[in-house]
Amino acid sequence: MVSDMVNITSSIIQGSCLAHILFVLCINSIVKVLPDNVTCLLFADNVQIYTVIRSDADKINLQNVLHRISDWSVNWQMSISVKNVL
């Protein structure tokens, strides 16, 4: 039995040979939107960011980083799973 044909407007077909490589290329670009004072750890499809908060300015800077990550996710058409956000 053959599956019905459908148009794919974006993304990579799940299970394709290129899916993993293209995902890694995409997720690795997230570090480019982060300032030097924010540490970013990547493992598979998980991203952890952290920084030292010593002042209100540091809190504002971290919030700006979260906005940058949100903009990055829209640009790359990748959703952020809010159930995993701490």
PDB file of N, CA and C in Angstrom:
ATOM      1  N   MET A   1       0.842  -1.175   0.000  1.00  0.00           N
ATOM      2  CA  MET A   1       0.000   0.000   0.000  1.00  0.00           C
ATOM      3  C   MET A   1       0.891   1.244   0.000  1.00  0.00           C
ATOM      4  N   VAL A   2       0.541   2.230  -0.783  1.00  0.00           N
ATOM      5  CA  VAL A   2       1.303   3.468  -0.901  1.00  0.00           C
ATOM      6  C   VAL A   2       0.526   4.584  -0.213  1.00  0.00           C
ATOM      7  N   SER A   3       1.243   5.428   0.516  1.00  0.00           N
ATOM      8  CA  SER A   3       0.613   6.571   1.185  1.00  0.00           C
ATOM      9  C   SER A   3       0.141   7.596   0.166  1.00  0.00           C
ATOM     10  N   ASP A   4      -0.858   8.386   0.549  1.00  0.00           N
ATOM     11  CA  ASP A   4      -1.336   9.473  -0.295  1.00  0.00           C
ATOM     12  C   ASP A   4      -0.268  10.552  -0.406  1.00  0.00           C
ATOM     13  N   MET A   5      -0.220  11.233  -1.541  1.00  0.00           N
ATOM     14  CA  MET A   5       0.710  12.329  -1.762  1.00  0.00           C
ATOM     15  C   MET A   5       0.202  13.578  -1.042  1.00  0.00           C
ATOM     16  N   VAL A   6       1.103  14.319  -0.413  1.00  0.00           N
ATOM     17  CA  VAL A   6       0.763  15.586   0.221  1.00  0.00           C
ATOM     18  C   VAL A   6       1.869  16.595  -0.077  1.00  0.00           C
ATOM     19  N   ASN A   7       1.515  17.861  -0.099  1.00  0.00           N
ATOM     20  CA  ASN A   7       2.503  18.932  -0.278  1.00  0.00           C
ATOM     21  C   ASN A   7       3.102  19.287   1.073  1.00  0.00           C
ATOM     22  N   ILE A   8       4.406  19.421   1.123  1.00  0.00           N
ATOM     23  CA  ILE A   8       5.107  19.826   2.337  1.00  0.00           C
ATOM     24  C   ILE A   8       5.644  21.226   2.106  1.00  0.00           C
ATOM     25  N   THR A   9       5.209  22.166   2.951  1.00  0.00           N
ATOM     26  CA  THR A   9       5.598  23.564   2.745  1.00  0.00           C
ATOM     27  C   THR A   9       6.883  23.944   3.463  1.00  0.00           C
ATOM     28  N   SER A  10       7.234  23.236   4.526  1.00  0.00           N
ATOM     29  CA  SER A  10       8.481  23.504   5.239  1.00  0.00           C
ATOM     30  C   SER A  10       8.847  22.274   6.050  1.00  0.00           C
ATOM     31  N   SER A  11      10.062  22.290   6.585  1.00  0.00           N
ATOM     32  CA  SER A  11      10.541  21.212   7.438  1.00  0.00           C
ATOM     33  C   SER A  11      11.229  20.136   6.607  1.00  0.00           C
ATOM     34  N   ILE A  12      11.657  19.108   7.297  1.00  0.00           N
ATOM     35  CA  ILE A  12      12.303  17.946   6.701  1.00  0.00           C
ATOM     36  C   ILE A  12      11.436  16.742   7.022  1.00  0.00           C
ATOM     37  N   ILE A  13      11.277  15.871   6.093  1.00  0.00           N
ATOM     38  CA  ILE A  13      10.464  14.680   6.320  1.00  0.00           C
ATOM     39  C   ILE A  13      11.092  13.859   7.442  1.00  0.00           C
ATOM     40  N   GLN A  14      10.275  13.512   8.434  1.00  0.00           N
ATOM     41  CA  GLN A  14      10.759  12.735   9.571  1.00  0.00           C
ATOM     42  C   GLN A  14      11.278  11.388   9.082  1.00  0.00           C
ATOM     43  N   GLY A  15      12.452  11.021   9.578  1.00  0.00           N
ATOM     44  CA  GLY A  15      13.046   9.747   9.206  1.00  0.00           C
ATOM     45  C   GLY A  15      13.953   9.820   8.001  1.00  0.00           C
ATOM     46  N   SER A  16      14.069  10.994   7.393  1.00  0.00           N
ATOM     47  CA  SER A  16      14.943  11.102   6.227  1.00  0.00           C
ATOM     48  C   SER A  16      16.403  11.108   6.680  1.00  0.00           C
ATOM     49  N   CYS A  17      17.277  10.791   5.754  1.00  0.00           N
ATOM     50  CA  CYS A  17      18.710  10.732   6.071  1.00  0.00           C
ATOM     51  C   CYS A  17      19.272  12.093   6.473  1.00  0.00           C
ATOM     52  N   LEU A  18      18.739  13.155   5.890  1.00  0.00           N
ATOM     53  CA  LEU A  18      19.256  14.491   6.158  1.00  0.00           C
ATOM     54  C   LEU A  18      18.671  15.140   7.403  1.00  0.00           C
ATOM     55  N   ALA A  19      17.604  14.592   7.951  1.00  0.00           N
ATOM     56  CA  ALA A  19      16.888  15.240   9.049  1.00  0.00           C
ATOM     57  C   ALA A  19      17.814  15.570  10.219  1.00  0.00           C
ATOM     58  N   HIS A  20      18.612  14.620  10.654  1.00  0.00           N
ATOM     59  CA  HIS A  20      19.478  14.827  11.821  1.00  0.00           C
ATOM     60  C   HIS A  20      20.559  15.870  11.555  1.00  0.00           C
ATOM     61  N   ILE A  21      21.154  15.809  10.392  1.00  0.00           N
ATOM     62  CA  ILE A  21      22.212  16.760  10.049  1.00  0.00           C
ATOM     63  C   ILE A  21      21.647  18.176   9.959  1.00  0.00           C
ATOM     64  N   LEU A  22      20.512  18.324   9.296  1.00  0.00           N
ATOM     65  CA  LEU A  22      19.913  19.650   9.157  1.00  0.00           C
ATOM     66  C   LEU A  22      19.440  20.203  10.492  1.00  0.00           C
ATOM     67  N   PHE A  23      18.942  19.331  11.368  1.00  0.00           N
ATOM     68  CA  PHE A  23      18.534  19.794  12.690  1.00  0.00           C
ATOM     69  C   PHE A  23      19.738  20.309  13.471  1.00  0.00           C
ATOM     70  N   VAL A  24      20.843  19.586  13.430  1.00  0.00           N
ATOM     71  CA  VAL A  24      22.052  20.010  14.151  1.00  0.00           C
ATOM     72  C   VAL A  24      22.545  21.346  13.612  1.00  0.00           C
ATOM     73  N   LEU A  25      22.541  21.515  12.305  1.00  0.00           N
ATOM     74  CA  LEU A  25      22.956  22.798  11.726  1.00  0.00           C
ATOM     75  C   LEU A  25      22.047  23.930  12.186  1.00  0.00           C
ATOM     76  N   CYS A  26      20.781  23.639  12.261  1.00  0.00           N
ATOM     77  CA  CYS A  26      19.813  24.654  12.680  1.00  0.00           C
ATOM     78  C   CYS A  26      19.976  24.993  14.155  1.00  0.00           C
ATOM     79  N   ILE A  27      19.983  23.997  15.029  1.00  0.00           N
ATOM     80  CA  ILE A  27      20.019  24.239  16.479  1.00  0.00           C
ATOM     81  C   ILE A  27      21.346  24.869  16.893  1.00  0.00           C
ATOM     82  N   ASN A  28      22.418  24.546  16.201  1.00  0.00           N
ATOM     83  CA  ASN A  28      23.711  25.139  16.552  1.00  0.00           C
ATOM     84  C   ASN A  28      23.743  26.640  16.297  1.00  0.00           C
ATOM     85  N   SER A  29      22.863  27.132  15.444  1.00  0.00           N
ATOM     86  CA  SER A  29      22.844  28.567  15.158  1.00  0.00           C
ATOM     87  C   SER A  29      22.275  29.390  16.307  1.00  0.00           C
ATOM     88  N   ILE A  30      21.675  28.746  17.289  1.00  0.00           N
ATOM     89  CA  ILE A  30      21.085  29.492  18.407  1.00  0.00           C
ATOM     90  C   ILE A  30      22.153  30.232  19.212  1.00  0.00           C
ATOM     91  N   VAL A  31      23.356  29.677  19.274  1.00  0.00           N
ATOM     92  CA  VAL A  31      24.410  30.329  20.066  1.00  0.00           C
ATOM     93  C   VAL A  31      24.817  31.676  19.479  1.00  0.00           C
ATOM     94  N   LYS A  32      24.534  31.886  18.203  1.00  0.00           N
ATOM     95  CA  LYS A  32      24.894  33.152  17.564  1.00  0.00           C
ATOM     96  C   LYS A  32      24.039  34.312  18.046  1.00  0.00           C
ATOM     97  N   VAL A  33      22.866  34.029  18.621  1.00  0.00           N
ATOM     98  CA  VAL A  33      21.992  35.114  19.098  1.00  0.00           C
ATOM     99  C   VAL A  33      22.227  35.428  20.570  1.00  0.00           C
ATOM    100  N   LEU A  34      23.127  34.701  21.217  1.00  0.00           N
ATOM    101  CA  LEU A  34      23.362  34.882  22.646  1.00  0.00           C
ATOM    102  C   LEU A  34      24.605  35.716  22.907  1.00  0.00           C
ATOM    103  N   PRO A  35      24.538  36.623  23.884  1.00  0.00           N
ATOM    104  CA  PRO A  35      25.736  37.397  24.253  1.00  0.00           C
ATOM    105  C   PRO A  35      26.747  36.507  24.980  1.00  0.00           C
ATOM    106  N   ASP A  36      27.962  36.995  25.092  1.00  0.00           N
ATOM    107  CA  ASP A  36      29.049  36.209  25.697  1.00  0.00           C
ATOM    108  C   ASP A  36      28.813  35.873  27.160  1.00  0.00           C
ATOM    109  N   ASN A  37      28.042  36.694  27.866  1.00  0.00           N
ATOM    110  CA  ASN A  37      27.866  36.455  29.300  1.00  0.00           C
ATOM    111  C   ASN A  37      26.779  35.425  29.613  1.00  0.00           C
ATOM    112  N   VAL A  38      26.172  34.847  28.585  1.00  0.00           N
ATOM    113  CA  VAL A  38      25.156  33.804  28.764  1.00  0.00           C
ATOM    114  C   VAL A  38      25.731  32.492  28.258  1.00  0.00           C
ATOM    115  N   THR A  39      25.698  31.480  29.106  1.00  0.00           N
ATOM    116  CA  THR A  39      26.196  30.165  28.740  1.00  0.00           C
ATOM    117  C   THR A  39      25.065  29.354  28.133  1.00  0.00           C
ATOM    118  N   CYS A  40      25.365  28.646  27.072  1.00  0.00           N
ATOM    119  CA  CYS A  40      24.375  27.826  26.374  1.00  0.00           C
ATOM    120  C   CYS A  40      24.899  26.405  26.276  1.00  0.00           C
ATOM    121  N   LEU A  41      24.106  25.452  26.763  1.00  0.00           N
ATOM    122  CA  LEU A  41      24.444  24.039  26.655  1.00  0.00           C
ATOM    123  C   LEU A  41      23.456  23.373  25.715  1.00  0.00           C
ATOM    124  N   LEU A  42      23.966  22.624  24.752  1.00  0.00           N
ATOM    125  CA  LEU A  42      23.131  21.925  23.783  1.00  0.00           C
ATOM    126  C   LEU A  42      23.324  20.426  23.947  1.00  0.00           C
ATOM    127  N   PHE A  43      22.225  19.689  23.988  1.00  0.00           N
ATOM    128  CA  PHE A  43      22.276  18.234  23.992  1.00  0.00           C
ATOM    129  C   PHE A  43      21.047  17.734  23.259  1.00  0.00           C
ATOM    130  N   ALA A  44      21.260  17.066  22.138  1.00  0.00           N
ATOM    131  CA  ALA A  44      20.169  16.579  21.286  1.00  0.00           C
ATOM    132  C   ALA A  44      19.255  17.756  20.948  1.00  0.00           C
ATOM    133  N   ASP A  45      17.983  17.686  21.343  1.00  0.00           N
ATOM    134  CA  ASP A  45      17.075  18.792  21.033  1.00  0.00           C
ATOM    135  C   ASP A  45      16.779  19.645  22.259  1.00  0.00           C
ATOM    136  N   ASN A  46      17.652  19.585  23.259  1.00  0.00           N
ATOM    137  CA  ASN A  46      17.498  20.388  24.473  1.00  0.00           C
ATOM    138  C   ASN A  46      18.512  21.518  24.491  1.00  0.00           C
ATOM    139  N   VAL A  47      18.054  22.675  24.931  1.00  0.00           N
ATOM    140  CA  VAL A  47      18.908  23.849  25.069  1.00  0.00           C
ATOM    141  C   VAL A  47      18.765  24.351  26.491  1.00  0.00           C
ATOM    142  N   GLN A  48      19.901  24.575  27.146  1.00  0.00           N
ATOM    143  CA  GLN A  48      19.886  25.147  28.492  1.00  0.00           C
ATOM    144  C   GLN A  48      20.737  26.402  28.462  1.00  0.00           C
ATOM    145  N   ILE A  49      20.164  27.499  28.969  1.00  0.00           N
ATOM    146  CA  ILE A  49      20.933  28.744  29.066  1.00  0.00           C
ATOM    147  C   ILE A  49      20.964  29.168  30.517  1.00  0.00           C
ATOM    148  N   TYR A  50      22.069  29.786  30.890  1.00  0.00           N
ATOM    149  CA  TYR A  50      22.153  30.334  32.240  1.00  0.00           C
ATOM    150  C   TYR A  50      23.206  31.432  32.283  1.00  0.00           C
ATOM    151  N   THR A  51      23.062  32.256  33.320  1.00  0.00           N
ATOM    152  CA  THR A  51      23.995  33.352  33.544  1.00  0.00           C
ATOM    153  C   THR A  51      23.929  33.739  35.013  1.00  0.00           C
ATOM    154  N   VAL A  52      24.864  34.507  35.459  1.00  0.00           N
ATOM    155  CA  VAL A  52      24.879  34.994  36.836  1.00  0.00           C
ATOM    156  C   VAL A  52      24.013  36.251  36.904  1.00  0.00           C
ATOM    157  N   ILE A  53      23.115  36.279  37.895  1.00  0.00           N
ATOM    158  CA  ILE A  53      22.253  37.440  38.109  1.00  0.00           C
ATOM    159  C   ILE A  53      22.710  38.146  39.380  1.00  0.00           C
ATOM    160  N   ARG A  54      23.262  39.346  39.201  1.00  0.00           N
ATOM    161  CA  ARG A  54      23.742  40.124  40.349  1.00  0.00           C
ATOM    162  C   ARG A  54      23.000  41.448  40.513  1.00  0.00           C
ATOM    163  N   SER A  55      22.234  41.813  39.499  1.00  0.00           N
ATOM    164  CA  SER A  55      21.566  43.116  39.540  1.00  0.00           C
ATOM    165  C   SER A  55      20.289  43.069  38.706  1.00  0.00           C
ATOM    166  N   ASP A  56      19.521  44.127  38.807  1.00  0.00           N
ATOM    167  CA  ASP A  56      18.325  44.236  37.979  1.00  0.00           C
ATOM    168  C   ASP A  56      18.687  44.296  36.496  1.00  0.00           C
ATOM    169  N   ALA A  57      19.823  44.898  36.195  1.00  0.00           N
ATOM    170  CA  ALA A  57      20.269  44.968  34.801  1.00  0.00           C
ATOM    171  C   ALA A  57      20.527  43.565  34.250  1.00  0.00           C
ATOM    172  N   ASP A  58      21.069  42.682  35.084  1.00  0.00           N
ATOM    173  CA  ASP A  58      21.301  41.296  34.666  1.00  0.00           C
ATOM    174  C   ASP A  58      19.976  40.587  34.373  1.00  0.00           C
ATOM    175  N   LYS A  59      18.950  40.877  35.170  1.00  0.00           N
ATOM    176  CA  LYS A  59      17.620  40.300  34.929  1.00  0.00           C
ATOM    177  C   LYS A  59      17.058  40.773  33.598  1.00  0.00           C
ATOM    178  N   ILE A  60      17.220  42.053  33.325  1.00  0.00           N
ATOM    179  CA  ILE A  60      16.730  42.627  32.068  1.00  0.00           C
ATOM    180  C   ILE A  60      17.481  42.015  30.885  1.00  0.00           C
ATOM    181  N   ASN A  61      18.795  41.868  31.039  1.00  0.00           N
ATOM    182  CA  ASN A  61      19.596  41.262  29.969  1.00  0.00           C
ATOM    183  C   ASN A  61      19.160  39.826  29.695  1.00  0.00           C
ATOM    184  N   LEU A  62      18.878  39.058  30.748  1.00  0.00           N
ATOM    185  CA  LEU A  62      18.425  37.682  30.557  1.00  0.00           C
ATOM    186  C   LEU A  62      17.062  37.658  29.860  1.00  0.00           C
ATOM    187  N   GLN A  63      16.179  38.574  30.226  1.00  0.00           N
ATOM    188  CA  GLN A  63      14.880  38.645  29.548  1.00  0.00           C
ATOM    189  C   GLN A  63      15.069  38.975  28.071  1.00  0.00           C
ATOM    190  N   ASN A  64      16.014  39.852  27.759  1.00  0.00           N
ATOM    191  CA  ASN A  64      16.310  40.173  26.365  1.00  0.00           C
ATOM    192  C   ASN A  64      16.822  38.949  25.610  1.00  0.00           C
ATOM    193  N   VAL A  65      17.608  38.125  26.287  1.00  0.00           N
ATOM    194  CA  VAL A  65      18.090  36.883  25.684  1.00  0.00           C
ATOM    195  C   VAL A  65      16.909  35.961  25.364  1.00  0.00           C
ATOM    196  N   LEU A  66      15.945  35.874  26.279  1.00  0.00           N
ATOM    197  CA  LEU A  66      14.765  35.047  26.030  1.00  0.00           C
ATOM    198  C   LEU A  66      13.983  35.566  24.821  1.00  0.00           C
ATOM    199  N   HIS A  67      13.917  36.885  24.661  1.00  0.00           N
ATOM    200  CA  HIS A  67      13.270  37.455  23.478  1.00  0.00           C
ATOM    201  C   HIS A  67      14.044  37.090  22.209  1.00  0.00           C
ATOM    202  N   ARG A  68      15.365  37.127  22.289  1.00  0.00           N
ATOM    203  CA  ARG A  68      16.190  36.749  21.136  1.00  0.00           C
ATOM    204  C   ARG A  68      15.946  35.296  20.749  1.00  0.00           C
ATOM    205  N   ILE A  69      15.855  34.419  21.753  1.00  0.00           N
ATOM    206  CA  ILE A  69      15.607  33.004  21.488  1.00  0.00           C
ATOM    207  C   ILE A  69      14.224  32.817  20.873  1.00  0.00           C
ATOM    208  N   SER A  70      13.260  33.551  21.373  1.00  0.00           N
ATOM    209  CA  SER A  70      11.915  33.489  20.793  1.00  0.00           C
ATOM    210  C   SER A  70      11.934  33.936  19.335  1.00  0.00           C
ATOM    211  N   ASP A  71      12.615  35.030  19.052  1.00  0.00           N
ATOM    212  CA  ASP A  71      12.738  35.504  17.664  1.00  0.00           C
ATOM    213  C   ASP A  71      13.453  34.469  16.798  1.00  0.00           C
ATOM    214  N   TRP A  72      14.498  33.853  17.350  1.00  0.00           N
ATOM    215  CA  TRP A  72      15.233  32.812  16.631  1.00  0.00           C
ATOM    216  C   TRP A  72      14.302  31.652  16.285  1.00  0.00           C
ATOM    217  N   SER A  73      13.475  31.243  17.230  1.00  0.00           N
ATOM    218  CA  SER A  73      12.585  30.101  16.985  1.00  0.00           C
ATOM    219  C   SER A  73      11.556  30.421  15.903  1.00  0.00           C
ATOM    220  N   VAL A  74      11.079  31.655  15.870  1.00  0.00           N
ATOM    221  CA  VAL A  74      10.139  32.057  14.812  1.00  0.00           C
ATOM    222  C   VAL A  74      10.847  32.063  13.465  1.00  0.00           C
ATOM    223  N   ASN A  75      12.048  32.620  13.435  1.00  0.00           N
ATOM    224  CA  ASN A  75      12.819  32.704  12.199  1.00  0.00           C
ATOM    225  C   ASN A  75      13.105  31.319  11.617  1.00  0.00           C
ATOM    226  N   TRP A  76      13.454  30.361  12.473  1.00  0.00           N
ATOM    227  CA  TRP A  76      13.785  29.008  12.029  1.00  0.00           C
ATOM    228  C   TRP A  76      12.563  28.088  12.002  1.00  0.00           C
ATOM    229  N   GLN A  77      11.393  28.624  12.322  1.00  0.00           N
ATOM    230  CA  GLN A  77      10.147  27.852  12.345  1.00  0.00           C
ATOM    231  C   GLN A  77      10.258  26.625  13.254  1.00  0.00           C
ATOM    232  N   MET A  78      10.834  26.850  14.434  1.00  0.00           N
ATOM    233  CA  MET A  78      10.963  25.785  15.429  1.00  0.00           C
ATOM    234  C   MET A  78      10.201  26.214  16.675  1.00  0.00           C
ATOM    235  N   SER A  79       9.321  25.361  17.128  1.00  0.00           N
ATOM    236  CA  SER A  79       8.544  25.707  18.330  1.00  0.00           C
ATOM    237  C   SER A  79       9.342  25.379  19.586  1.00  0.00           C
ATOM    238  N   ILE A  80       9.033  26.094  20.646  1.00  0.00           N
ATOM    239  CA  ILE A  80       9.656  25.867  21.953  1.00  0.00           C
ATOM    240  C   ILE A  80       8.628  25.183  22.826  1.00  0.00           C
ATOM    241  N   SER A  81       9.003  24.068  23.406  1.00  0.00           N
ATOM    242  CA  SER A  81       8.099  23.334  24.274  1.00  0.00           C
ATOM    243  C   SER A  81       8.085  23.995  25.651  1.00  0.00           C
ATOM    244  N   VAL A  82       7.005  24.702  25.967  1.00  0.00           N
ATOM    245  CA  VAL A  82       6.943  25.436  27.223  1.00  0.00           C
ATOM    246  C   VAL A  82       6.793  24.520  28.421  1.00  0.00           C
ATOM    247  N   LYS A  83       6.355  23.281  28.223  1.00  0.00           N
ATOM    248  CA  LYS A  83       6.246  22.370  29.364  1.00  0.00           C
ATOM    249  C   LYS A  83       7.621  21.983  29.903  1.00  0.00           C
ATOM    250  N   ASN A  84       8.673  22.178  29.098  1.00  0.00           N
ATOM    251  CA  ASN A  84      10.027  21.861  29.544  1.00  0.00           C
ATOM    252  C   ASN A  84      10.793  23.075  30.033  1.00  0.00           C
ATOM    253  N   VAL A  85      10.169  24.246  30.013  1.00  0.00           N
ATOM    254  CA  VAL A  85      10.843  25.477  30.430  1.00  0.00           C
ATOM    255  C   VAL A  85      10.764  25.603  31.950  1.00  0.00           C
ATOM    256  N   LEU A  86      11.902  25.836  32.561  1.00  0.00           N
ATOM    257  CA  LEU A  86      11.941  26.010  34.019  1.00  0.00           C
ATOM    258  C   LEU A  86      12.137  27.460  34.365  1.00  0.00           C
TER     259      LEU A  86
END
